[in-house]
Structure formats: structure tokens, C-alpha cells
Protein backbone atom coordinates (compact mmCIF):
# COMPACT_ATOMS: atom_id res chain seq x y z
CA MET A 1 -5.62 -11.06 36.96
CA VAL A 2 -4.55 -13.90 34.75
CA LYS A 3 -3.45 -17.58 35.50
CA GLN A 4 -0.25 -18.83 33.91
CA GLY A 5 1.66 -21.96 34.82
CA GLY A 6 -0.45 -22.51 37.98
CA HIS A 7 0.53 -18.90 39.48
CA ARG A 8 -1.50 -15.74 39.42
CA ARG A 9 0.01 -12.42 38.39
CA ALA A 10 -1.07 -9.06 37.43
CA ALA A 11 -2.08 -8.94 33.71
CA ALA A 12 0.29 -6.46 31.76
CA ARG A 13 -1.27 -3.56 30.52
CA VAL A 14 -0.33 -3.00 26.96
CA PRO A 15 -0.96 0.62 25.55
CA VAL A 16 -2.78 0.02 22.38
CA ALA A 17 -1.90 2.75 19.86
CA LEU A 18 -3.96 2.03 16.65
CA LEU A 19 -2.40 5.14 14.74
CA PRO A 20 1.22 6.25 14.53
CA ALA A 21 2.56 9.38 16.02
CA ALA A 22 2.05 12.16 13.75
CA ILE A 23 5.31 13.82 14.34
CA GLY A 24 8.00 13.23 11.81
CA PRO A 25 11.50 14.56 10.95
CA LYS A 26 11.81 18.14 9.79
CA ILE A 27 12.79 18.56 6.03
CA VAL A 28 14.94 21.41 5.29
CA ARG A 29 16.77 22.76 2.20
CA SER A 30 20.31 24.15 2.85
CA ARG A 31 23.44 25.24 0.88
CA THR A 32 25.69 23.62 3.36
CA LEU A 33 25.90 19.81 4.51
CA GLY A 34 27.84 20.10 7.52
CA ASP A 35 26.93 19.05 11.10
CA LEU A 36 25.18 15.81 10.06
CA ASP A 37 25.30 12.43 11.50
CA THR A 38 24.87 10.76 8.09
CA LEU A 39 25.29 11.96 4.58
CA LEU A 40 23.85 9.79 1.68
CA VAL A 41 25.09 10.49 -1.86
CA VAL A 42 23.89 8.72 -4.96
CA MET A 43 25.67 9.13 -8.20
CA PRO A 44 26.04 7.30 -11.73
CA ALA A 45 28.46 4.36 -11.68
CA SER A 46 30.10 5.66 -14.68
CA ALA A 47 30.85 9.18 -13.22
CA GLY A 48 34.44 9.90 -12.14
CA ARG A 49 36.23 11.41 -9.11
CA GLU A 50 35.66 15.00 -10.18
CA SER A 51 31.70 14.44 -9.46
CA LEU A 52 32.76 14.27 -5.83
CA ALA A 53 34.88 17.33 -5.53
CA ALA A 54 32.22 19.51 -4.09
CA LEU A 55 31.43 17.18 -1.00
CA PRO A 56 32.74 17.88 2.37
CA GLU A 57 35.94 16.02 2.76
CA ALA A 58 36.00 15.11 -0.74
CA GLU A 59 39.06 13.00 -0.66
CA ARG A 60 37.28 10.74 1.65
CA TRP A 61 34.61 10.29 -0.68
CA GLN A 62 36.90 9.75 -3.57
CA GLY A 63 38.66 7.13 -1.79
CA LEU A 64 35.61 5.07 -2.08
CA LEU A 65 36.08 4.99 -5.69
CA ASP A 66 39.81 3.77 -5.62
CA ARG A 67 38.88 0.23 -4.17
CA GLU A 68 37.46 -1.06 -7.45
CA VAL A 69 35.18 -0.11 -10.37
CA PRO A 70 31.83 0.58 -8.89
CA GLN A 71 28.95 -1.50 -9.85
CA ALA A 72 25.29 -0.22 -10.32
CA LEU A 73 23.25 -0.76 -7.11
CA SER A 74 26.25 -1.17 -5.03
CA VAL A 75 26.78 0.85 -1.79
CA ARG A 76 29.99 1.78 -0.12
CA THR A 77 30.51 3.53 3.31
CA THR A 78 33.34 5.37 5.21
CA ALA A 79 33.55 8.02 8.02
CA LEU A 80 34.48 11.56 7.62
CA THR A 81 36.93 13.26 10.17
CA ASN A 82 34.76 16.01 11.36
CA ARG A 83 33.36 16.63 14.97
CA ARG A 84 30.47 14.22 14.19
CA GLN A 85 32.45 11.62 12.32
CA THR A 86 29.70 11.87 9.72
CA GLN A 87 28.67 8.41 8.28
CA ALA A 88 29.30 8.82 4.62
CA VAL A 89 27.32 6.39 2.35
CA LEU A 90 27.90 6.31 -1.27
CA GLY A 91 25.31 4.49 -3.77
CA PHE A 92 25.82 3.73 -7.49
CA LEU A 93 23.33 3.77 -10.25
CA ALA A 94 23.42 2.65 -13.86
CA ASP A 95 22.84 5.37 -16.33
CA GLY A 96 19.09 5.51 -17.17
CA ALA A 97 18.14 3.53 -14.12
CA SER A 98 14.51 2.87 -13.50
CA MET A 99 12.65 4.42 -10.74
CA PHE A 100 12.22 0.83 -9.08
CA GLU A 101 16.16 0.69 -9.21
CA GLN A 102 16.42 4.16 -7.88
CA LEU A 103 14.06 3.23 -4.97
CA GLN A 104 15.86 -0.08 -4.68
CA LEU A 105 19.32 1.49 -4.23
CA ALA A 106 17.92 4.08 -1.87
CA GLY A 107 16.61 1.25 0.26
CA ARG A 108 19.94 -0.34 0.41
CA MET A 109 21.70 2.77 1.43
CA LEU A 110 19.34 3.42 4.27
CA LYS A 111 19.75 -0.13 5.48
CA SER A 112 23.47 0.45 5.42
CA ALA A 113 23.04 3.49 7.48
CA ALA A 114 20.45 2.20 9.91
CA ALA A 115 22.83 1.03 12.53
CA ARG A 116 24.13 4.49 13.26
CA ALA A 117 20.52 5.62 14.36
CA PRO A 118 21.20 9.10 12.94
CA ARG A 119 19.23 12.25 14.16
CA SER A 120 20.29 14.30 11.16
CA VAL A 121 20.58 13.05 7.59
CA GLY A 122 21.74 14.69 4.49
CA LEU A 123 20.75 13.63 1.04
CA VAL A 124 22.52 14.48 -2.26
CA ALA A 125 22.21 13.26 -5.89
CA LEU A 126 25.00 13.85 -8.22
CA GLY A 127 25.16 13.50 -11.94
CA ALA A 128 22.35 13.95 -14.53
CA ASN A 129 21.09 10.50 -15.62
CA PRO A 130 18.53 9.60 -14.15
CA PRO A 131 17.40 13.15 -13.38
CA ARG A 132 18.75 14.36 -9.98
CA ALA A 133 15.27 15.34 -8.68
CA ALA A 134 13.95 11.84 -9.01
CA ARG A 135 16.97 10.27 -7.34
CA LEU A 136 16.74 12.74 -4.56
CA GLU A 137 12.91 11.99 -4.11
CA ALA A 138 13.74 8.27 -4.08
CA LEU A 139 16.33 8.96 -1.24
CA LEU A 140 13.76 11.08 0.72
CA GLY A 141 10.99 8.45 0.33
CA ALA A 142 13.50 5.73 1.50
CA THR A 143 14.54 7.84 4.52
CA LEU A 144 11.03 8.44 5.60
CA ALA A 145 10.33 4.79 5.27
CA GLU A 146 13.31 3.55 7.11
CA HIS A 147 12.79 5.96 10.10
CA PHE A 148 9.19 5.09 10.31
CA ALA A 149 8.48 2.67 13.38
CA LEU A 150 5.95 0.04 12.74
CA PRO A 151 3.90 -1.17 15.76
CA SER A 152 5.96 -2.92 18.48
CA PHE A 153 4.48 -4.31 21.76
CA LYS A 154 7.82 -5.30 23.50
CA SER A 155 7.69 -4.64 27.11
CA ASP A 156 11.26 -3.52 27.31
CA ALA A 157 11.32 -1.46 24.31
CA GLY A 158 13.62 1.52 25.08
CA GLY A 159 13.40 2.81 21.47
CA THR A 160 16.23 4.29 19.25
CA PRO A 161 16.64 8.06 18.93
CA ALA A 162 14.23 9.43 16.38
CA LEU A 163 15.32 11.02 13.18
CA GLU A 164 14.96 14.82 13.60
CA ARG A 165 16.21 16.35 10.58
CA ILE A 166 16.47 15.72 6.88
CA VAL A 167 18.71 18.05 4.96
CA LEU A 168 18.37 18.50 1.17
CA PRO A 169 20.45 20.68 -1.12
CA THR A 170 18.72 23.83 -2.56
CA ASP A 171 19.20 22.44 -5.98
CA PRO A 172 17.62 20.65 -7.77
CA PRO A 173 14.06 21.78 -7.29
CA LEU A 174 11.98 19.19 -5.49
CA ASP A 175 8.15 19.05 -4.43
CA THR A 176 9.03 17.82 -0.92
CA ARG A 177 5.47 18.26 0.03
CA TYR A 178 4.24 15.59 -2.42
CA ALA A 179 7.06 13.25 -1.62
CA LYS A 180 6.31 13.53 2.18
CA ILE A 181 2.62 13.08 1.79
CA CYS A 182 3.20 10.10 -0.51
CA ALA A 183 5.63 8.50 2.08
CA ASP A 184 3.16 9.25 4.92
CA GLY A 185 0.44 7.50 2.95
CA THR A 186 2.68 4.45 2.31
CA ASN A 187 3.74 4.43 5.97
CA LEU A 188 0.03 4.62 7.18
CA ALA A 189 -0.92 1.56 5.02
CA ARG A 190 2.27 -0.17 6.29
CA TRP A 191 1.16 0.58 10.00
CA LEU A 192 -2.39 -0.53 9.71
CA THR A 193 -1.42 -3.70 7.91
CA ALA A 194 1.17 -4.51 10.58
CA LEU A 195 -1.30 -4.26 13.49
CA PRO A 196 -2.25 -7.51 15.38
CA PRO A 197 -5.68 -8.89 14.55
CA ASN A 198 -6.77 -8.54 18.22
CA MET A 199 -5.99 -4.87 17.91
CA LEU A 200 -7.27 -3.99 14.76
CA ASP A 201 -10.54 -5.71 14.74
CA ALA A 202 -13.58 -4.46 13.15
CA ARG A 203 -14.46 -2.23 16.20
CA GLY A 204 -10.87 -0.97 16.28
CA TYR A 205 -10.80 -0.17 12.67
CA ARG A 206 -14.02 1.74 12.88
CA ARG A 207 -12.36 3.92 15.80
CA VAL A 208 -9.43 4.51 13.41
CA LEU A 209 -11.63 5.61 10.53
CA GLY A 210 -13.52 8.05 12.76
CA GLU A 211 -10.31 9.51 14.02
CA LEU A 212 -8.72 9.76 10.47
CA ALA A 213 -11.89 11.41 9.24
CA ARG A 214 -11.91 13.95 11.91
CA ARG A 215 -8.20 15.01 11.41
CA HIS A 216 -8.42 15.22 7.57
CA GLY A 217 -11.91 16.56 7.16
CA LEU A 218 -13.39 13.61 5.46
CA GLY A 219 -16.93 12.37 5.51
CA LEU A 220 -17.49 8.98 6.97
CA ARG A 221 -20.56 6.63 6.69
CA TRP A 222 -20.61 3.17 8.25
CA LEU A 223 -22.89 0.53 6.71
CA GLY A 224 -23.48 -2.18 9.42
CA PRO A 225 -25.19 -5.52 8.83
CA SER A 226 -28.84 -4.09 9.20
CA GLU A 227 -28.19 -1.46 6.42
CA LEU A 228 -26.26 -3.69 4.31
CA ARG A 229 -29.15 -6.27 4.60
CA ARG A 230 -31.38 -3.56 3.36
CA ARG A 231 -29.23 -2.96 0.47
CA GLY A 232 -29.01 -6.54 -0.52
CA ALA A 233 -25.40 -6.98 0.18
CA ASN A 234 -25.60 -10.68 0.92
CA ALA A 235 -22.38 -11.87 -0.60
CA PHE A 236 -20.51 -9.48 1.90
CA LEU A 237 -22.82 -10.50 4.67
CA ALA A 238 -22.10 -14.14 3.98
CA VAL A 239 -18.44 -13.79 4.70
CA ALA A 240 -19.31 -11.71 7.73
CA ARG A 241 -21.77 -14.08 9.19
CA GLY A 242 -19.55 -16.12 11.26
CA ASN A 243 -18.07 -13.24 13.26
CA GLY A 244 -18.53 -13.56 16.93
CA HIS A 245 -19.57 -9.91 17.15
CA ARG A 246 -21.86 -8.13 14.70
CA ASP A 247 -19.12 -5.40 14.06
CA ALA A 248 -18.41 -5.96 10.41
CA GLY A 249 -19.40 -3.32 7.69
CA ILE A 250 -18.65 -1.48 4.80
CA ALA A 251 -17.15 2.10 5.42
CA GLN A 252 -17.62 5.09 2.99
CA LEU A 253 -15.26 7.83 3.45
CA THR A 254 -15.42 10.90 1.27
CA TYR A 255 -13.03 13.75 0.32
CA ARG A 256 -14.35 16.85 -1.75
CA PRO A 257 -12.10 19.66 -2.80
CA GLU A 258 -13.42 23.12 -2.02
CA ARG A 259 -16.48 24.22 -4.04
CA ARG A 260 -17.38 20.56 -4.77
CA ARG A 261 -18.78 19.53 -1.56
CA ALA A 262 -22.01 18.01 -3.11
CA SER A 263 -20.46 16.52 -6.37
CA ALA A 264 -20.38 12.92 -7.44
CA PRO A 265 -17.04 11.29 -6.98
CA ASP A 266 -14.32 11.37 -9.71
CA VAL A 267 -12.84 8.28 -8.43
CA ALA A 268 -14.01 5.44 -6.00
CA LEU A 269 -11.03 3.44 -4.27
CA ILE A 270 -12.31 0.04 -3.09
CA GLY A 271 -10.35 -1.94 -0.56
CA LYS A 272 -10.56 -5.45 0.75
CA GLY A 273 -10.40 -5.34 4.52
CA ILE A 274 -10.44 -8.90 5.69
CA LEU A 275 -9.00 -8.37 9.07
CA PHE A 276 -8.23 -12.03 9.65
CA ASP A 277 -8.50 -14.76 7.12
CA THR A 278 -8.81 -18.33 8.49
CA GLY A 279 -10.17 -19.58 5.27
CA GLY A 280 -13.38 -20.27 6.83
CA VAL A 281 -15.00 -23.83 6.52
CA ASN A 282 -12.14 -24.44 3.99
CA LEU A 283 -9.63 -23.92 6.69
CA LYS A 284 -6.20 -22.76 5.87
CA SER A 285 -3.16 -24.70 7.14
CA HIS A 286 -0.93 -23.20 9.82
CA ARG A 287 1.79 -21.68 7.62
CA SER A 288 -1.01 -20.42 5.12
CA MET A 289 -2.84 -18.65 7.94
CA LEU A 290 0.10 -17.17 9.95
CA GLU A 291 0.09 -13.71 8.26
CA MET A 292 -3.43 -13.46 7.44
CA HIS A 293 -3.88 -10.34 9.51
CA THR A 294 -2.36 -8.47 6.52
CA ASP A 295 -5.29 -9.71 4.42
CA MET A 296 -6.82 -6.01 4.87
CA SER A 297 -3.94 -4.31 3.32
CA GLY A 298 -6.13 -3.34 0.13
CA SER A 299 -8.38 -1.39 2.44
CA ALA A 300 -5.30 0.19 4.09
CA VAL A 301 -4.15 1.21 0.62
CA ALA A 302 -7.47 2.73 -0.44
CA LEU A 303 -7.79 4.73 2.79
CA ALA A 304 -4.28 6.13 2.89
CA THR A 305 -4.49 7.00 -0.79
CA LEU A 306 -7.84 8.89 0.08
CA ILE A 307 -6.12 10.71 2.96
CA ALA A 308 -3.01 11.69 0.73
CA LEU A 309 -5.38 13.20 -1.86
CA ALA A 310 -7.06 15.38 0.86
CA GLU A 311 -3.44 16.37 2.28
CA LEU A 312 -2.54 17.38 -1.12
CA ARG A 313 -5.80 19.18 -1.56
CA ALA A 314 -5.96 17.42 -4.90
CA PRO A 315 -8.70 18.75 -7.25
CA ILE A 316 -10.19 15.24 -7.24
CA ALA A 317 -13.56 14.30 -5.63
CA ALA A 318 -12.70 10.80 -4.13
CA ASP A 319 -14.48 8.14 -2.22
CA ALA A 320 -12.98 5.22 -0.39
CA TRP A 321 -15.06 2.07 0.18
CA LEU A 322 -13.72 -0.49 2.55
CA ALA A 323 -15.06 -3.87 3.15
CA ILE A 324 -14.23 -4.55 6.81
CA THR A 325 -14.84 -8.19 8.29
CA GLU A 326 -12.98 -11.24 9.24
CA ASN A 327 -13.36 -14.54 7.42
CA PRO A 328 -13.84 -16.91 10.57
CA VAL A 329 -14.60 -20.53 10.96
CA GLY A 330 -17.51 -21.39 13.31
CA PRO A 331 -21.06 -22.70 13.43
CA GLN A 332 -22.60 -19.68 11.54
CA ALA A 333 -19.63 -19.52 8.90
CA TYR A 334 -20.86 -19.54 5.27
CA ARG A 335 -20.48 -22.93 3.48
CA PRO A 336 -19.54 -24.25 0.16
CA GLN A 337 -22.62 -24.78 -2.19
CA GLU A 338 -24.64 -21.94 -0.65
CA VAL A 339 -26.36 -19.47 -3.09
CA VAL A 340 -26.43 -15.76 -2.14
CA ARG A 341 -27.59 -12.84 -4.04
CA ALA A 342 -25.32 -9.85 -4.17
CA ALA A 343 -26.40 -6.12 -4.07
CA ASN A 344 -26.56 -5.77 -7.82
CA GLY A 345 -29.06 -8.84 -8.17
CA THR A 346 -26.31 -11.32 -9.24
CA SER A 347 -26.71 -14.88 -7.71
CA ILE A 348 -23.53 -16.49 -6.67
CA GLN A 349 -22.97 -20.25 -5.93
CA VAL A 350 -20.17 -20.53 -3.37
CA ILE A 351 -17.41 -23.01 -4.01
CA HIS A 352 -14.64 -22.37 -1.59
CA THR A 353 -14.94 -20.21 1.46
CA ASP A 354 -11.36 -19.10 1.22
CA ALA A 355 -12.32 -17.26 -1.92
CA GLU A 356 -13.95 -14.59 0.40
CA GLY A 357 -12.21 -11.53 -0.72
CA ARG A 358 -13.96 -11.52 -4.14
CA MET A 359 -17.40 -12.01 -2.17
CA ALA A 360 -16.76 -9.06 0.20
CA LEU A 361 -15.44 -6.89 -2.81
CA ALA A 362 -18.59 -7.83 -5.00
CA ASP A 363 -20.89 -6.09 -2.89
CA THR A 364 -18.65 -3.18 -2.21
CA LEU A 365 -18.07 -2.46 -5.95
CA SER A 366 -21.73 -2.68 -6.50
CA LEU A 367 -22.44 -0.03 -3.80
CA ALA A 368 -19.64 2.06 -5.04
CA ALA A 369 -20.89 1.93 -8.55
CA ARG A 370 -24.35 3.41 -7.47
CA THR A 371 -22.63 6.84 -6.86
CA ARG A 372 -21.57 6.77 -10.55
CA PRO A 373 -17.90 7.62 -10.30
CA ARG A 374 -15.88 8.37 -13.42
CA LEU A 375 -13.46 5.83 -12.42
CA MET A 376 -13.14 2.78 -10.04
CA LEU A 377 -9.98 1.28 -8.69
CA ASP A 378 -10.05 -1.73 -6.34
CA TYR A 379 -7.19 -3.23 -4.29
CA GLY A 380 -6.96 -6.67 -2.60
CA THR A 381 -4.52 -9.37 -1.66
CA LEU A 382 -6.95 -11.52 -3.61
CA THR A 383 -5.15 -14.66 -5.00
CA GLY A 384 -2.16 -16.75 -4.29
CA ALA A 385 -2.23 -17.46 -8.05
CA CYS A 386 -1.06 -13.80 -8.76
CA VAL A 387 1.88 -14.42 -6.30
CA TYR A 388 2.83 -17.59 -8.12
CA ALA A 389 2.61 -15.80 -11.45
CA LEU A 390 4.57 -12.82 -10.59
CA THR A 391 6.25 -13.42 -7.24
CA GLU A 392 5.85 -10.59 -4.73
CA ARG A 393 8.07 -8.02 -6.86
CA TYR A 394 5.08 -6.96 -8.94
CA SER A 395 1.18 -6.70 -8.52
CA GLY A 396 -1.21 -7.93 -11.10
CA VAL A 397 -3.48 -5.39 -12.90
CA PHE A 398 -6.83 -5.94 -14.72
CA THR A 399 -9.00 -3.39 -16.45
CA ASN A 400 -12.28 -3.28 -18.47
CA ARG A 401 -10.70 -0.78 -20.71
CA GLU A 402 -7.85 -1.95 -22.72
CA ALA A 403 -6.95 1.71 -23.62
CA LEU A 404 -5.96 2.21 -19.91
CA LEU A 405 -3.37 -0.52 -19.72
CA GLU A 406 -0.59 1.55 -20.87
CA ARG A 407 -1.37 4.18 -18.54
CA LEU A 408 -1.53 1.72 -15.68
CA LEU A 409 1.78 0.19 -16.62
CA ALA A 410 3.29 3.72 -17.02
CA ALA A 411 2.13 4.77 -13.62
CA GLY A 412 4.00 1.50 -12.29
CA ARG A 413 7.12 2.48 -13.99
CA ALA A 414 7.12 5.89 -12.91
CA SER A 415 6.21 5.33 -9.30
CA GLY A 416 8.55 2.27 -8.98
CA GLU A 417 5.53 0.15 -7.86
CA ARG A 418 5.53 -2.05 -10.79
CA VAL A 419 2.26 -3.74 -12.08
CA TRP A 420 1.71 -6.26 -14.73
CA PRO A 421 -1.42 -7.07 -16.90
CA PHE A 422 -3.01 -10.57 -17.47
CA PRO A 423 -5.54 -11.69 -20.05
CA PHE A 424 -9.11 -10.48 -19.46
CA ASP A 425 -10.93 -12.11 -22.39
CA ALA A 426 -14.63 -12.79 -21.96
CA ASP A 427 -14.33 -16.47 -22.67
CA PHE A 428 -12.91 -16.97 -19.25
CA ASP A 429 -16.22 -16.58 -18.04
CA ALA A 430 -17.10 -20.03 -19.29
CA ASP A 431 -15.14 -21.33 -16.21
CA LEU A 432 -17.54 -19.65 -13.93
CA GLU A 433 -20.79 -20.90 -15.32
CA SER A 434 -23.08 -22.37 -12.66
CA LYS A 435 -26.02 -24.65 -12.96
CA VAL A 436 -27.95 -23.19 -10.19
CA ALA A 437 -26.87 -19.55 -10.14
CA ASP A 438 -25.78 -16.67 -12.19
CA VAL A 439 -21.99 -17.30 -11.59
CA LEU A 440 -19.68 -19.54 -9.70
CA GLN A 441 -17.75 -17.73 -6.97
CA CYS A 442 -14.59 -19.37 -8.20
CA ALA A 443 -13.61 -22.59 -10.26
CA VAL A 444 -12.98 -25.88 -8.46
CA GLU A 445 -9.59 -26.10 -10.01
CA SER A 446 -7.26 -23.09 -9.17
CA LYS A 447 -5.86 -22.75 -12.62
CA GLY A 448 -5.73 -19.02 -13.53
CA ASP A 449 -7.47 -18.05 -10.31
CA HIS A 450 -6.29 -14.50 -10.46
CA ILE A 451 -7.80 -14.04 -14.01
CA LEU A 452 -11.18 -15.79 -12.94
CA ALA A 453 -11.30 -13.50 -9.74
CA ALA A 454 -11.08 -10.54 -11.96
CA ARG A 455 -13.62 -11.75 -14.35
CA PHE A 456 -15.95 -12.40 -11.35
CA LEU A 457 -15.49 -8.90 -10.07
CA ASN A 458 -16.10 -7.45 -13.43
CA ARG A 459 -19.71 -8.69 -13.13
CA PHE A 460 -20.16 -6.04 -10.24
CA VAL A 461 -19.00 -3.13 -12.09
CA PRO A 462 -21.32 -1.37 -14.64
CA PRO A 463 -19.70 -1.67 -18.06
CA GLU A 464 -19.95 2.22 -18.68
CA ILE A 465 -17.68 2.88 -15.72
CA PRO A 466 -13.89 2.52 -16.25
CA TRP A 467 -12.40 0.22 -13.75
CA ALA A 468 -9.05 -1.42 -12.77
CA HIS A 469 -8.38 -4.13 -10.29
CA LEU A 470 -4.91 -4.50 -8.36
CA ASP A 471 -4.25 -7.90 -7.18
CA LEU A 472 -1.71 -6.94 -4.44
CA SER A 473 0.88 -9.77 -4.85
CA ALA A 474 3.67 -7.17 -3.73
CA ALA A 475 1.69 -6.13 -0.34
CA THR A 476 4.14 -8.14 1.49
CA ARG A 477 7.48 -9.71 0.60
CA ALA A 478 10.21 -11.00 2.93
CA GLY A 479 12.90 -8.61 3.28
CA GLY A 480 10.85 -5.82 1.54
CA LEU A 481 10.76 -4.32 -1.81
CA GLY A 482 12.17 -1.29 -3.47
CA HIS A 483 13.05 1.33 -0.80
CA ILE A 484 10.91 -0.52 1.75
CA ASN A 485 13.05 -2.71 4.02
CA THR A 486 10.22 -4.37 5.98
CA ASP A 487 8.09 -7.35 4.88
CA ILE A 488 5.08 -5.17 4.68
CA THR A 489 5.46 -2.76 1.76
CA GLY A 490 2.52 -0.48 1.58
CA PHE A 491 2.36 -1.12 -2.10
CA GLY A 492 -0.25 0.83 -4.12
CA VAL A 493 -0.26 4.29 -2.55
CA ARG A 494 2.69 5.64 -4.57
CA PHE A 495 1.06 3.87 -7.63
CA THR A 496 -2.14 5.41 -7.38
CA LEU A 497 -0.91 8.86 -6.51
CA GLU A 498 1.23 8.66 -9.58
CA LEU A 499 -1.64 7.62 -11.73
CA LEU A 500 -4.37 10.10 -10.43
CA VAL A 501 -2.03 13.14 -9.53
CA ARG A 502 0.89 13.12 -11.76
CA GLU A 503 -0.46 11.15 -14.84
CA ASN A 504 -3.79 12.85 -14.31
CA LEU A 505 -5.76 9.92 -15.48
CA LEU A 506 -9.08 11.56 -14.77
CA HIS A 507 -8.33 14.33 -17.14
CA ALA A 508 -7.66 11.69 -20.03
CA LEU A 509 -10.84 10.00 -19.23
CA ARG A 510 -12.77 13.37 -19.41
CA GLU A 511 -11.32 14.00 -22.88
CA GLN A 512 -12.29 10.48 -24.11
CA THR A 513 -15.89 11.05 -23.16
């Protein structure tokens, strides 16, 4: 029983689902596109009426072109006259549109169709530029995102009918399995990031990891405070010290392809998992703290990417290292001017307790590096400076290998999850010189904090290991981004799968060595 307003009443029992339902719509290929609730068609804005001639009730579609000259990224809708009164949605792309623009249009088309709450959706791409398969994949990804329900705890939620079937034409060829696994990974990252902090606390996250490891055949090791103390991970433990419960820890999940069960990892994916960030002793303001349950999105991206690699049965030995804690305020919370020694022996002078992400990642990077991966990638909503520099449309990228930059940028362009590089010169380290320790945690001034944060993290990656750091300024954006129409974007999963699976970055690294 709980007491409210002077009256006692039974406490409502809210079912806590920490993982989304595993069942999604069926994806089928068909030569016919009849008997559908919604049909979405994307075409070049420069194409004429003849491009629509093969569609059912072609004259209805052609009528959409008669209103005015279509503009790129615009959407028009009508209804067909068949039994279902199929909702017809027509979207227009410029010739040579980028993948981001293809995703952006797809997201707009799905938003236009959302009110119908369709149970069956057909997807069609007309014309040749950009390639039809890419446009069809963008539509498929947007459809799977739009019809994925994020966590809701409304007591009167009746729910809308779920999408049951997505119908694609038999041509062009499309790897629907890859597209669905990529979308599922993005949706998992979105789901976990959206969970309230009283539900996805450290204990709840550990339960999630155990269940996902069981489902996907992953190895799981949990390093709690005692084990981390033995390993010298005092930077992470400083942040975790103020937690009311001793549930914080660093999780290591492992995926190994068949016949490589005992091998060292090809790649280590490291994620910032700050489950709620108050700012600590340097307390955030109300508005700055309001969305801080999303400060664990880097860990969600690393985890979801590892699961996608396992689902794809990718020939890549991969680990995910997740730094899971809160950054609370309280009598035990760490303070400015403390000096702590990280797992690699580096002593750190604390300057600002709201720069906790780099503290937690420092030890996690150090521990991951001990496994000698060929490549390390880390993800974190690390700095407001990166948001101010890029807005939430791009994420920042840094690397200790200048030769990797073009591949990182190319993966951003190809996936539609765009990244942008910043300076990474060694002379920035002068701003992190400490009089009492090896390094300052951050500078007193906030100038270039995204660059200084990356230079700080660089100290915890052995120079012989190629490494890239993603400052996830695009993890959340009001109104969504690209094909995602919710504020929480799941940015990073598409990018990393493009980099590792399609761009085959690890093969390029092997050739270089």
C-alpha cells in the first residue's frame, strides 16, 4: 500500500519488461502488391508518369504528379479504390541522393503512413539513381523502426494493431536478413536507452545481459567492485563510489565464430553505460539532468552491435565491454581534486565530477586492451561540446590512425549515420597537464572539451592498437534523425555494421600489418 494525498490505496503493479518482444513483422517477396493496407513507393523526382505505369491503379499514382512539379524529399499521399482502400504514399528523391537523404525520405514516408496503423505494408523503389536496392533497404529499415514500440507504462494503453507483414517485390535483389538484423540492433539500442532509470538500474542491466547472452550464445563475465579493485580500476570505481548499492560493474560479453572459440578478439566494442548522470558533486541543473537516463546509450550501441554480429554469424571475433554505473550525488560521491590511479597505472587529477564518462571509459579501455584486439571502438555520449560543434545530426569521430579516417567517414556516408572528424594533435595534451598527477581529467575551461576528452582516452589505449572513439552527439535528437522518428535514435549500430561487415575494416587492417 502507498499513501497519496492523505488516502491509502493499493499500489499499481506495473509489469516491468526490460526487453522488447522478439516477434516482428514477417518479410516476404512477392510479384504482386495487392491486398495491402499501405503501399509506399519511392522514385526520382526527375522521373515521369511512365515510371508509375506498372503500379496497381496507376492513374491514381500518376495523379499525384499532376499537382505540381515534385520536389526532392517531399511526400504525397492518396487512397486507392480497391477493397482495402490502400493508402498510397509516394516519396521523391533527387538523383544521386545520399544514403542519409534516402533514410530521411523513408522516415517521412512512414510518418505520413503512421495514422493508418497498417497490418500489411508494401515497399517499392522505382528508377535507377540512387540504386533501387539501397532505396528499398532504406524503406525497409524505416518501416521496421516506425513499427517498433518503445517502452510505455501507461495504465490505459490499449495499443495499436501490430504490423504483421512487409511485402517487397522480387526485384531488385536485397539482403533482407542483413537489413532486418541491422534494424533489430538499432531498435534494441533505442529500447534500452529509453528505459526509465529506476527500471534499467545496474541490477536490471545485469539481468538483461544475462538473458541476451543466453539467447544469442554469448559469453558473459561481470567484473564487480571487488574484482575491479584487484585490477586497479580506480577511475571507474571513483564514479561508482556514490551508488547506494554496490551493483555497478564492467561487463565483458564475447562472440566467437565457429572454430574460433578460444581466439583473441578481432574487435573490442567499448560502451559508456552511465545509467543516470546527476553530474555528481558538480550537480547538473534541472533541464540538463532531465534526459540523463539516456547517458548509457553508448553501452546499448556496443551491446546491440555485438548481438547483430552474432546474429549475422559474422566471421569476426568480437567483445563488448560495458561500463555500467550511475554518477550519483551523495556523501560517498567522488570530488574535484581527488587523485585516482587507473588500471593502466596512469594517475588522474579529478577536476569536474560531471566528466565521469571519460573516467569510466578509461579503465574499460585499459581492461579491453589487455585482450590485445586488432581494433578498438568506443561509444559514449561524452561531451556537450560535440553537440555544440555538430548539433545532433552528426556524431564526432576521433582515431589514433589517420589512415582510418577516410574509412570511418565512408562508413558514415554509406550507412546514413554520418560522422565528422576533429583535430587530434598531440599538442592538445598540454591543456591536460597536471601539477600533481600524470593527467588532468579535463580542463577547467570547457573549450574544445570533445577534443580533450578524446586525447584523455587516448592515454588508455596502447599505441600499437588501432582505435576510434565516437562521441555520440546524435544519440538523441528532438523529432528524430534520418529514418528514426523518435528522439532516441540508436545511432551507431548501422555505422559499425557498415564499417565491420560491409566495409570489412578488419581485413584492411590485416593487410596493413
